[in-house]
């Protein structure tokens, strides 16, 4: 049932986008629209600071002119998300003390 719902949602999304673009005289196929959209990339850069924390910065590239035209027609933002920064603290390893086990003697 979930697969059917995802399929219907995808069909609705493709047809809605295609209809809006055709109303503005862009008669590209869906494959061509995806190819144009794939020119915009997401870049993730990671580094480690002096406190052994991993810092990741993630941002979108600037869309080219055809993609900006599509975004304008769809009334969408040029970037799916703004620059994101995250700091991941390196876990501290704790030393676990184990008790020595007694040697088993044969019966």
PDB file of N, CA and C in Angstrom:
ATOM      1  N   UNK A   1       0.820  -1.183   0.000  1.00  0.00           N
ATOM      2  CA  UNK A   1       0.000   0.000   0.000  1.00  0.00           C
ATOM      3  C   UNK A   1       0.877   1.265   0.000  1.00  0.00           C
ATOM      4  N   UNK A   2       1.940   1.236   0.800  1.00  0.00           N
ATOM      5  CA  UNK A   2       2.834   2.395   0.859  1.00  0.00           C
ATOM      6  C   UNK A   2       3.499   2.625  -0.494  1.00  0.00           C
ATOM      7  N   UNK A   3       3.857   1.554  -1.173  1.00  0.00           N
ATOM      8  CA  UNK A   3       4.483   1.672  -2.496  1.00  0.00           C
ATOM      9  C   UNK A   3       3.524   2.356  -3.475  1.00  0.00           C
ATOM     10  N   UNK A   4       2.278   2.016  -3.398  1.00  0.00           N
ATOM     11  CA  UNK A   4       1.269   2.631  -4.252  1.00  0.00           C
ATOM     12  C   UNK A   4       1.146   4.127  -3.953  1.00  0.00           C
ATOM     13  N   UNK A   5       1.150   4.494  -2.677  1.00  0.00           N
ATOM     14  CA  UNK A   5       1.056   5.897  -2.299  1.00  0.00           C
ATOM     15  C   UNK A   5       2.265   6.696  -2.790  1.00  0.00           C
ATOM     16  N   UNK A   6       3.466   6.132  -2.653  1.00  0.00           N
ATOM     17  CA  UNK A   6       4.673   6.814  -3.140  1.00  0.00           C
ATOM     18  C   UNK A   6       4.618   6.973  -4.655  1.00  0.00           C
ATOM     19  N   UNK A   7       4.132   5.958  -5.344  1.00  0.00           N
ATOM     20  CA  UNK A   7       4.007   6.039  -6.797  1.00  0.00           C
ATOM     21  C   UNK A   7       3.037   7.126  -7.226  1.00  0.00           C
ATOM     22  N   UNK A   8       1.902   7.212  -6.552  1.00  0.00           N
ATOM     23  CA  UNK A   8       0.917   8.248  -6.860  1.00  0.00           C
ATOM     24  C   UNK A   8       1.456   9.648  -6.550  1.00  0.00           C
ATOM     25  N   UNK A   9       2.174   9.768  -5.454  1.00  0.00           N
ATOM     26  CA  UNK A   9       2.768  11.055  -5.092  1.00  0.00           C
ATOM     27  C   UNK A   9       3.792  11.481  -6.142  1.00  0.00           C
ATOM     28  N   UNK A  10       4.625  10.556  -6.591  1.00  0.00           N
ATOM     29  CA  UNK A  10       5.622  10.868  -7.621  1.00  0.00           C
ATOM     30  C   UNK A  10       4.945  11.258  -8.928  1.00  0.00           C
ATOM     31  N   UNK A  11       3.910  10.526  -9.312  1.00  0.00           N
ATOM     32  CA  UNK A  11       3.164  10.832 -10.537  1.00  0.00           C
ATOM     33  C   UNK A  11       2.550  12.227 -10.457  1.00  0.00           C
ATOM     34  N   UNK A  12       1.954  12.546  -9.326  1.00  0.00           N
ATOM     35  CA  UNK A  12       1.339  13.858  -9.120  1.00  0.00           C
ATOM     36  C   UNK A  12       2.390  14.964  -9.187  1.00  0.00           C
ATOM     37  N   UNK A  13       3.540  14.744  -8.566  1.00  0.00           N
ATOM     38  CA  UNK A  13       4.608  15.733  -8.548  1.00  0.00           C
ATOM     39  C   UNK A  13       5.147  15.993  -9.958  1.00  0.00           C
ATOM     40  N   UNK A  14       5.422  14.932 -10.708  1.00  0.00           N
ATOM     41  CA  UNK A  14       5.950  15.076 -12.073  1.00  0.00           C
ATOM     42  C   UNK A  14       4.944  15.813 -12.952  1.00  0.00           C
ATOM     43  N   UNK A  15       3.687  15.441 -12.888  1.00  0.00           N
ATOM     44  CA  UNK A  15       2.678  16.090 -13.719  1.00  0.00           C
ATOM     45  C   UNK A  15       2.439  17.541 -13.331  1.00  0.00           C
ATOM     46  N   UNK A  16       2.477  17.852 -12.054  1.00  0.00           N
ATOM     47  CA  UNK A  16       2.295  19.225 -11.609  1.00  0.00           C
ATOM     48  C   UNK A  16       3.437  20.111 -12.097  1.00  0.00           C
ATOM     49  N   UNK A  17       4.676  19.634 -11.939  1.00  0.00           N
ATOM     50  CA  UNK A  17       5.839  20.404 -12.390  1.00  0.00           C
ATOM     51  C   UNK A  17       5.796  20.565 -13.906  1.00  0.00           C
ATOM     52  N   UNK A  18       5.506  19.488 -14.624  1.00  0.00           N
ATOM     53  CA  UNK A  18       5.442  19.555 -16.090  1.00  0.00           C
ATOM     54  C   UNK A  18       4.355  20.528 -16.552  1.00  0.00           C
ATOM     55  N   UNK A  19       3.204  20.489 -15.905  1.00  0.00           N
ATOM     56  CA  UNK A  19       2.104  21.387 -16.272  1.00  0.00           C
ATOM     57  C   UNK A  19       2.484  22.850 -16.048  1.00  0.00           C
ATOM     58  N   UNK A  20       3.104  23.156 -14.900  1.00  0.00           N
ATOM     59  CA  UNK A  20       3.500  24.530 -14.612  1.00  0.00           C
ATOM     60  C   UNK A  20       4.554  25.025 -15.595  1.00  0.00           C
ATOM     61  N   UNK A  21       5.492  24.152 -15.977  1.00  0.00           N
ATOM     62  CA  UNK A  21       6.515  24.556 -16.936  1.00  0.00           C
ATOM     63  C   UNK A  21       5.927  24.741 -18.334  1.00  0.00           C
ATOM     64  N   UNK A  22       5.007  23.867 -18.732  1.00  0.00           N
ATOM     65  CA  UNK A  22       4.386  23.989 -20.053  1.00  0.00           C
ATOM     66  C   UNK A  22       3.529  25.244 -20.147  1.00  0.00           C
ATOM     67  N   UNK A  23       2.954  25.671 -19.036  1.00  0.00           N
ATOM     68  CA  UNK A  23       2.154  26.900 -19.066  1.00  0.00           C
ATOM     69  C   UNK A  23       3.025  28.134 -19.324  1.00  0.00           C
ATOM     70  N   UNK A  24       4.335  28.011 -19.089  1.00  0.00           N
ATOM     71  CA  UNK A  24       5.280  29.100 -19.362  1.00  0.00           C
ATOM     72  C   UNK A  24       6.137  28.798 -20.592  1.00  0.00           C
ATOM     73  N   UNK A  25       5.647  27.911 -21.466  1.00  0.00           N
ATOM     74  CA  UNK A  25       6.283  27.558 -22.738  1.00  0.00           C
ATOM     75  C   UNK A  25       7.645  26.873 -22.599  1.00  0.00           C
ATOM     76  N   UNK A  26       7.825  26.095 -21.553  1.00  0.00           N
ATOM     77  CA  UNK A  26       8.997  25.227 -21.441  1.00  0.00           C
ATOM     78  C   UNK A  26       8.485  23.802 -21.639  1.00  0.00           C
ATOM     79  N   UNK A  27       8.750  23.253 -22.825  1.00  0.00           N
ATOM     80  CA  UNK A  27       8.207  21.944 -23.195  1.00  0.00           C
ATOM     81  C   UNK A  27       9.255  20.853 -23.092  1.00  0.00           C
ATOM     82  N   UNK A  28      10.079  20.888 -22.074  1.00  0.00           N
ATOM     83  CA  UNK A  28      11.118  19.879 -21.881  1.00  0.00           C
ATOM     84  C   UNK A  28      10.516  18.595 -21.326  1.00  0.00           C
ATOM     85  N   UNK A  29      11.160  17.482 -21.632  1.00  0.00           N
ATOM     86  CA  UNK A  29      10.740  16.200 -21.059  1.00  0.00           C
ATOM     87  C   UNK A  29      11.197  16.151 -19.604  1.00  0.00           C
ATOM     88  N   UNK A  30      10.649  15.206 -18.874  1.00  0.00           N
ATOM     89  CA  UNK A  30      11.027  15.077 -17.468  1.00  0.00           C
ATOM     90  C   UNK A  30      12.504  14.721 -17.339  1.00  0.00           C
ATOM     91  N   UNK A  31      13.014  13.915 -18.252  1.00  0.00           N
ATOM     92  CA  UNK A  31      14.435  13.546 -18.236  1.00  0.00           C
ATOM     93  C   UNK A  31      15.309  14.789 -18.399  1.00  0.00           C
ATOM     94  N   UNK A  32      14.915  15.682 -19.268  1.00  0.00           N
ATOM     95  CA  UNK A  32      15.669  16.918 -19.482  1.00  0.00           C
ATOM     96  C   UNK A  32      15.590  17.819 -18.255  1.00  0.00           C
ATOM     97  N   UNK A  33      14.451  17.892 -17.608  1.00  0.00           N
ATOM     98  CA  UNK A  33      14.303  18.709 -16.395  1.00  0.00           C
ATOM     99  C   UNK A  33      15.208  18.166 -15.288  1.00  0.00           C
ATOM    100  N   UNK A  34      15.246  16.852 -15.138  1.00  0.00           N
ATOM    101  CA  UNK A  34      16.106  16.235 -14.121  1.00  0.00           C
ATOM    102  C   UNK A  34      17.574  16.497 -14.449  1.00  0.00           C
ATOM    103  N   UNK A  35      17.939  16.424 -15.735  1.00  0.00           N
ATOM    104  CA  UNK A  35      19.326  16.679 -16.135  1.00  0.00           C
ATOM    105  C   UNK A  35      19.727  18.111 -15.794  1.00  0.00           C
ATOM    106  N   UNK A  36      18.839  19.062 -16.053  1.00  0.00           N
ATOM    107  CA  UNK A  36      19.120  20.467 -15.722  1.00  0.00           C
ATOM    108  C   UNK A  36      19.231  20.644 -14.205  1.00  0.00           C
ATOM    109  N   UNK A  37      18.349  19.996 -13.461  1.00  0.00           N
ATOM    110  CA  UNK A  37      18.367  20.114 -11.996  1.00  0.00           C
ATOM    111  C   UNK A  37      19.606  19.471 -11.387  1.00  0.00           C
ATOM    112  N   UNK A  38      20.149  18.452 -12.039  1.00  0.00           N
ATOM    113  CA  UNK A  38      21.336  17.777 -11.516  1.00  0.00           C
ATOM    114  C   UNK A  38      22.608  18.592 -11.673  1.00  0.00           C
ATOM    115  N   UNK A  39      22.529  19.764 -12.304  1.00  0.00           N
ATOM    116  CA  UNK A  39      23.709  20.622 -12.397  1.00  0.00           C
ATOM    117  C   UNK A  39      23.995  21.322 -11.078  1.00  0.00           C
ATOM    118  N   UNK A  40      23.006  21.419 -10.214  1.00  0.00           N
ATOM    119  CA  UNK A  40      23.214  22.014  -8.890  1.00  0.00           C
ATOM    120  C   UNK A  40      23.648  20.911  -7.936  1.00  0.00           C
ATOM    121  N   UNK A  41      24.722  21.134  -7.218  1.00  0.00           N
ATOM    122  CA  UNK A  41      25.300  20.114  -6.343  1.00  0.00           C
ATOM    123  C   UNK A  41      25.296  20.575  -4.888  1.00  0.00           C
ATOM    124  N   UNK A  42      25.375  19.606  -3.996  1.00  0.00           N
ATOM    125  CA  UNK A  42      25.518  19.864  -2.569  1.00  0.00           C
ATOM    126  C   UNK A  42      26.945  19.485  -2.188  1.00  0.00           C
ATOM    127  N   UNK A  43      27.633  20.394  -1.530  1.00  0.00           N
ATOM    128  CA  UNK A  43      29.025  20.175  -1.166  1.00  0.00           C
ATOM    129  C   UNK A  43      29.132  20.071   0.347  1.00  0.00           C
ATOM    130  N   UNK A  44      29.783  19.014   0.816  1.00  0.00           N
ATOM    131  CA  UNK A  44      30.010  18.823   2.246  1.00  0.00           C
ATOM    132  C   UNK A  44      31.509  18.842   2.500  1.00  0.00           C
ATOM    133  N   UNK A  45      31.934  19.713   3.401  1.00  0.00           N
ATOM    134  CA  UNK A  45      33.340  19.809   3.760  1.00  0.00           C
ATOM    135  C   UNK A  45      33.462  19.494   5.245  1.00  0.00           C
ATOM    136  N   UNK A  46      34.400  18.613   5.580  1.00  0.00           N
ATOM    137  CA  UNK A  46      34.603  18.228   6.977  1.00  0.00           C
ATOM    138  C   UNK A  46      36.047  18.479   7.373  1.00  0.00           C
ATOM    139  N   UNK A  47      36.231  18.820   8.617  1.00  0.00           N
ATOM    140  CA  UNK A  47      37.574  19.033   9.157  1.00  0.00           C
ATOM    141  C   UNK A  47      37.568  18.781  10.643  1.00  0.00           C
ATOM    142  N   UNK A  48      38.753  18.702  11.224  1.00  0.00           N
ATOM    143  CA  UNK A  48      38.875  18.428  12.653  1.00  0.00           C
ATOM    144  C   UNK A  48      39.591  19.603  13.291  1.00  0.00           C
ATOM    145  N   UNK A  49      39.063  20.103  14.406  1.00  0.00           N
ATOM    146  CA  UNK A  49      39.690  21.236  15.079  1.00  0.00           C
ATOM    147  C   UNK A  49      40.638  20.749  16.168  1.00  0.00           C
ATOM    148  N   UNK A  50      41.201  21.685  16.924  1.00  0.00           N
ATOM    149  CA  UNK A  50      42.189  21.327  17.945  1.00  0.00           C
ATOM    150  C   UNK A  50      41.573  20.613  19.144  1.00  0.00           C
ATOM    151  N   UNK A  51      40.244  20.650  19.267  1.00  0.00           N
ATOM    152  CA  UNK A  51      39.566  19.966  20.367  1.00  0.00           C
ATOM    153  C   UNK A  51      39.091  18.580  19.968  1.00  0.00           C
ATOM    154  N   UNK A  52      39.593  18.058  18.857  1.00  0.00           N
ATOM    155  CA  UNK A  52      39.203  16.750  18.312  1.00  0.00           C
ATOM    156  C   UNK A  52      37.717  16.671  17.997  1.00  0.00           C
ATOM    157  N   UNK A  53      37.147  17.787  17.598  1.00  0.00           N
ATOM    158  CA  UNK A  53      35.756  17.815  17.163  1.00  0.00           C
ATOM    159  C   UNK A  53      35.750  17.834  15.633  1.00  0.00           C
ATOM    160  N   UNK A  54      34.830  17.093  15.056  1.00  0.00           N
ATOM    161  CA  UNK A  54      34.696  17.076  13.609  1.00  0.00           C
ATOM    162  C   UNK A  54      33.656  18.121  13.231  1.00  0.00           C
ATOM    163  N   UNK A  55      34.061  19.067  12.398  1.00  0.00           N
ATOM    164  CA  UNK A  55      33.176  20.145  11.965  1.00  0.00           C
ATOM    165  C   UNK A  55      32.838  19.914  10.499  1.00  0.00           C
ATOM    166  N   UNK A  56      31.544  19.863  10.186  1.00  0.00           N
ATOM    167  CA  UNK A  56      31.080  19.666   8.820  1.00  0.00           C
ATOM    168  C   UNK A  56      30.278  20.884   8.385  1.00  0.00           C
ATOM    169  N   UNK A  57      30.558  21.354   7.180  1.00  0.00           N
ATOM    170  CA  UNK A  57      29.822  22.465   6.593  1.00  0.00           C
ATOM    171  C   UNK A  57      29.228  21.961   5.290  1.00  0.00           C
ATOM    172  N   UNK A  58      27.934  22.183   5.110  1.00  0.00           N
ATOM    173  CA  UNK A  58      27.220  21.689   3.946  1.00  0.00           C
ATOM    174  C   UNK A  58      26.489  22.839   3.272  1.00  0.00           C
ATOM    175  N   UNK A  59      26.728  23.035   1.977  1.00  0.00           N
ATOM    176  CA  UNK A  59      26.048  24.111   1.272  1.00  0.00           C
ATOM    177  C   UNK A  59      25.813  23.734  -0.184  1.00  0.00           C
ATOM    178  N   UNK A  60      24.887  24.447  -0.808  1.00  0.00           N
ATOM    179  CA  UNK A  60      24.520  24.198  -2.201  1.00  0.00           C
ATOM    180  C   UNK A  60      25.322  25.095  -3.124  1.00  0.00           C
ATOM    181  N   UNK A  61      25.573  24.583  -4.322  1.00  0.00           N
ATOM    182  CA  UNK A  61      26.215  25.407  -5.337  1.00  0.00           C
ATOM    183  C   UNK A  61      25.186  26.371  -5.924  1.00  0.00           C
ATOM    184  N   UNK A  62      25.677  27.357  -6.622  1.00  0.00           N
ATOM    185  CA  UNK A  62      24.804  28.346  -7.265  1.00  0.00           C
ATOM    186  C   UNK A  62      24.169  27.707  -8.502  1.00  0.00           C
ATOM    187  N   UNK A  63      22.843  27.783  -8.663  1.00  0.00           N
ATOM    188  CA  UNK A  63      22.205  27.183  -9.844  1.00  0.00           C
ATOM    189  C   UNK A  63      22.539  27.967 -11.110  1.00  0.00           C
ATOM    190  N   UNK A  64      22.592  27.260 -12.247  1.00  0.00           N
ATOM    191  CA  UNK A  64      22.856  27.936 -13.516  1.00  0.00           C
ATOM    192  C   UNK A  64      21.576  28.615 -14.028  1.00  0.00           C
ATOM    193  N   UNK A  65      21.683  29.316 -15.145  1.00  0.00           N
ATOM    194  CA  UNK A  65      20.565  30.126 -15.644  1.00  0.00           C
ATOM    195  C   UNK A  65      19.314  29.292 -15.981  1.00  0.00           C
ATOM    196  N   UNK A  66      19.439  28.137 -16.697  1.00  0.00           N
ATOM    197  CA  UNK A  66      18.221  27.353 -16.975  1.00  0.00           C
ATOM    198  C   UNK A  66      17.524  26.856 -15.706  1.00  0.00           C
ATOM    199  N   UNK A  67      18.319  26.492 -14.709  1.00  0.00           N
ATOM    200  CA  UNK A  67      17.724  26.022 -13.454  1.00  0.00           C
ATOM    201  C   UNK A  67      17.063  27.168 -12.694  1.00  0.00           C
ATOM    202  N   UNK A  68      17.656  28.355 -12.755  1.00  0.00           N
ATOM    203  CA  UNK A  68      17.027  29.512 -12.123  1.00  0.00           C
ATOM    204  C   UNK A  68      15.685  29.825 -12.778  1.00  0.00           C
ATOM    205  N   UNK A  69      15.610  29.642 -14.094  1.00  0.00           N
ATOM    206  CA  UNK A  69      14.346  29.860 -14.798  1.00  0.00           C
ATOM    207  C   UNK A  69      13.279  28.885 -14.298  1.00  0.00           C
ATOM    208  N   UNK A  70      13.667  27.627 -14.146  1.00  0.00           N
ATOM    209  CA  UNK A  70      12.730  26.610 -13.640  1.00  0.00           C
ATOM    210  C   UNK A  70      12.298  26.955 -12.222  1.00  0.00           C
ATOM    211  N   UNK A  71      13.254  27.344 -11.367  1.00  0.00           N
ATOM    212  CA  UNK A  71      12.921  27.722  -9.997  1.00  0.00           C
ATOM    213  C   UNK A  71      11.964  28.911  -9.969  1.00  0.00           C
ATOM    214  N   UNK A  72      12.190  29.882 -10.841  1.00  0.00           N
ATOM    215  CA  UNK A  72      11.314  31.054 -10.882  1.00  0.00           C
ATOM    216  C   UNK A  72       9.888  30.676 -11.276  1.00  0.00           C
ATOM    217  N   UNK A  73       9.756  29.801 -12.264  1.00  0.00           N
ATOM    218  CA  UNK A  73       8.422  29.374 -12.701  1.00  0.00           C
ATOM    219  C   UNK A  73       7.716  28.605 -11.590  1.00  0.00           C
ATOM    220  N   UNK A  74       8.463  27.753 -10.884  1.00  0.00           N
ATOM    221  CA  UNK A  74       7.876  26.942  -9.811  1.00  0.00           C
ATOM    222  C   UNK A  74       7.766  27.714  -8.490  1.00  0.00           C
ATOM    223  N   UNK A  75       8.229  28.971  -8.486  1.00  0.00           N
ATOM    224  CA  UNK A  75       8.216  29.819  -7.284  1.00  0.00           C
ATOM    225  C   UNK A  75       8.930  29.139  -6.120  1.00  0.00           C
ATOM    226  N   UNK A  76      10.105  28.619  -6.434  1.00  0.00           N
ATOM    227  CA  UNK A  76      10.908  27.902  -5.454  1.00  0.00           C
ATOM    228  C   UNK A  76      12.187  28.684  -5.169  1.00  0.00           C
ATOM    229  N   UNK A  77      12.777  28.419  -4.019  1.00  0.00           N
ATOM    230  CA  UNK A  77      14.029  29.063  -3.641  1.00  0.00           C
ATOM    231  C   UNK A  77      15.167  28.487  -4.489  1.00  0.00           C
ATOM    232  N   UNK A  78      16.186  29.281  -4.769  1.00  0.00           N
ATOM    233  CA  UNK A  78      17.308  28.826  -5.586  1.00  0.00           C
ATOM    234  C   UNK A  78      18.145  27.765  -4.891  1.00  0.00           C
ATOM    235  N   UNK A  79      18.060  27.720  -3.610  1.00  0.00           N
ATOM    236  CA  UNK A  79      18.824  26.716  -2.858  1.00  0.00           C
ATOM    237  C   UNK A  79      17.872  25.942  -1.964  1.00  0.00           C
ATOM    238  N   UNK A  80      17.932  24.608  -2.016  1.00  0.00           N
ATOM    239  CA  UNK A  80      17.012  23.805  -1.197  1.00  0.00           C
ATOM    240  C   UNK A  80      17.167  24.047   0.304  1.00  0.00           C
ATOM    241  N   UNK A  81      18.379  24.380   0.735  1.00  0.00           N
ATOM    242  CA  UNK A  81      18.593  24.704   2.141  1.00  0.00           C
ATOM    243  C   UNK A  81      19.759  25.674   2.240  1.00  0.00           C
ATOM    244  N   UNK A  82      19.853  26.337   3.338  1.00  0.00           N
ATOM    245  CA  UNK A  82      20.944  27.273   3.580  1.00  0.00           C
ATOM    246  C   UNK A  82      22.158  26.521   4.093  1.00  0.00           C
ATOM    247  N   UNK A  83      23.260  27.241   4.235  1.00  0.00           N
ATOM    248  CA  UNK A  83      24.486  26.629   4.727  1.00  0.00           C
ATOM    249  C   UNK A  83      24.242  26.041   6.112  1.00  0.00           C
ATOM    250  N   UNK A  84      24.672  24.810   6.275  1.00  0.00           N
ATOM    251  CA  UNK A  84      24.504  24.141   7.566  1.00  0.00           C
ATOM    252  C   UNK A  84      25.876  23.802   8.141  1.00  0.00           C
ATOM    253  N   UNK A  85      26.012  23.991   9.413  1.00  0.00           N
ATOM    254  CA  UNK A  85      27.258  23.668  10.095  1.00  0.00           C
ATOM    255  C   UNK A  85      26.927  22.775  11.268  1.00  0.00           C
ATOM    256  N   UNK A  86      27.706  21.710  11.430  1.00  0.00           N
ATOM    257  CA  UNK A  86      27.480  20.827  12.567  1.00  0.00           C
ATOM    258  C   UNK A  86      28.817  20.463  13.186  1.00  0.00           C
ATOM    259  N   UNK A  87      28.799  20.297  14.487  1.00  0.00           N
ATOM    260  CA  UNK A  87      29.985  19.901  15.228  1.00  0.00           C
ATOM    261  C   UNK A  87      29.678  18.571  15.896  1.00  0.00           C
ATOM    262  N   UNK A  88      30.513  17.595  15.610  1.00  0.00           N
ATOM    263  CA  UNK A  88      30.339  16.275  16.200  1.00  0.00           C
ATOM    264  C   UNK A  88      31.458  16.075  17.210  1.00  0.00           C
ATOM    265  N   UNK A  89      31.080  15.903  18.448  1.00  0.00           N
ATOM    266  CA  UNK A  89      32.070  15.696  19.496  1.00  0.00           C
ATOM    267  C   UNK A  89      32.590  14.270  19.428  1.00  0.00           C
ATOM    268  N   UNK A  90      33.899  14.148  19.507  1.00  0.00           N
ATOM    269  CA  UNK A  90      34.513  12.830  19.473  1.00  0.00           C
ATOM    270  C   UNK A  90      34.225  12.146  20.810  1.00  0.00           C
ATOM    271  N   UNK A  91      33.714  10.926  20.779  1.00  0.00           N
ATOM    272  CA  UNK A  91      33.388  10.265  22.048  1.00  0.00           C
ATOM    273  C   UNK A  91      34.660   9.920  22.818  1.00  0.00           C
ATOM    274  N   UNK A  92      34.559  10.074  24.126  1.00  0.00           N
ATOM    275  CA  UNK A  92      35.693   9.699  24.965  1.00  0.00           C
ATOM    276  C   UNK A  92      35.550   8.228  25.315  1.00  0.00           C
ATOM    277  N   UNK A  93      36.625   7.527  25.173  1.00  0.00           N
ATOM    278  CA  UNK A  93      36.616   6.096  25.478  1.00  0.00           C
ATOM    279  C   UNK A  93      36.941   5.899  26.945  1.00  0.00           C
ATOM    280  N   UNK A  94      36.126   5.106  27.606  1.00  0.00           N
ATOM    281  CA  UNK A  94      36.349   4.826  29.015  1.00  0.00           C
ATOM    282  C   UNK A  94      37.023   3.476  29.142  1.00  0.00           C
ATOM    283  N   UNK A  95      37.972   3.426  30.012  1.00  0.00           N
ATOM    284  CA  UNK A  95      38.665   2.173  30.253  1.00  0.00           C
ATOM    285  C   UNK A  95      37.830   1.358  31.233  1.00  0.00           C
ATOM    286  N   UNK A  96      37.506   0.155  30.850  1.00  0.00           N
ATOM    287  CA  UNK A  96      36.689  -0.709  31.694  1.00  0.00           C
ATOM    288  C   UNK A  96      37.619  -1.662  32.432  1.00  0.00           C
ATOM    289  N   UNK A  97      37.513  -1.607  33.744  1.00  0.00           N
ATOM    290  CA  UNK A  97      38.328  -2.504  34.563  1.00  0.00           C
ATOM    291  C   UNK A  97      37.568  -3.807  34.745  1.00  0.00           C
ATOM    292  N   UNK A  98      38.226  -4.905  34.461  1.00  0.00           N
ATOM    293  CA  UNK A  98      37.593  -6.206  34.649  1.00  0.00           C
ATOM    294  C   UNK A  98      38.245  -6.941  35.815  1.00  0.00           C
ATOM    295  N   UNK A  99      37.449  -7.672  36.486  1.00  0.00           N
ATOM    296  CA  UNK A  99      37.974  -8.484  37.574  1.00  0.00           C
ATOM    297  C   UNK A  99      38.616  -9.731  36.972  1.00  0.00           C
ATOM    298  N   UNK A 100      39.697 -10.134  37.588  1.00  0.00           N
ATOM    299  CA  UNK A 100      40.345 -11.337  37.098  1.00  0.00           C
ATOM    300  C   UNK A 100      39.458 -12.522  37.428  1.00  0.00           C
ATOM    301  N   UNK A 101      39.335 -13.410  36.482  1.00  0.00           N
ATOM    302  CA  UNK A 101      38.504 -14.604  36.714  1.00  0.00           C
ATOM    303  C   UNK A 101      39.367 -15.716  37.278  1.00  0.00           C
ATOM    304  N   UNK A 102      38.724 -16.503  38.094  1.00  0.00           N
ATOM    305  CA  UNK A 102      39.435 -17.623  38.693  1.00  0.00           C
ATOM    306  C   UNK A 102      39.590 -18.719  37.672  1.00  0.00           C
ATOM    307  N   UNK A 103      40.705 -19.367  37.762  1.00  0.00           N
ATOM    308  CA  UNK A 103      40.948 -20.488  36.856  1.00  0.00           C
ATOM    309  C   UNK A 103      40.080 -21.659  37.320  1.00  0.00           C
ATOM    310  N   UNK A 104      39.443 -22.301  36.379  1.00  0.00           N
ATOM    311  CA  UNK A 104      38.617 -23.442  36.716  1.00  0.00           C
ATOM    312  C   UNK A 104      39.494 -24.675  36.889  1.00  0.00           C
ATOM    313  N   UNK A 105      39.253 -25.365  37.946  1.00  0.00           N
ATOM    314  CA  UNK A 105      40.009 -26.586  38.184  1.00  0.00           C
ATOM    315  C   UNK A 105      39.232 -27.769  37.661  1.00  0.00           C
ATOM    316  N   UNK A 106      39.897 -28.712  37.044  1.00  0.00           N
ATOM    317  CA  UNK A 106      39.188 -29.889  36.541  1.00  0.00           C
ATOM    318  C   UNK A 106      38.589 -30.690  37.682  1.00  0.00           C
ATOM    319  N   UNK A 107      37.469 -31.299  37.430  1.00  0.00           N
ATOM    320  CA  UNK A 107      36.790 -32.102  38.459  1.00  0.00           C
ATOM    321  C   UNK A 107      37.420 -33.409  38.674  1.00  0.00           C
TER     322      UNK A 107
END
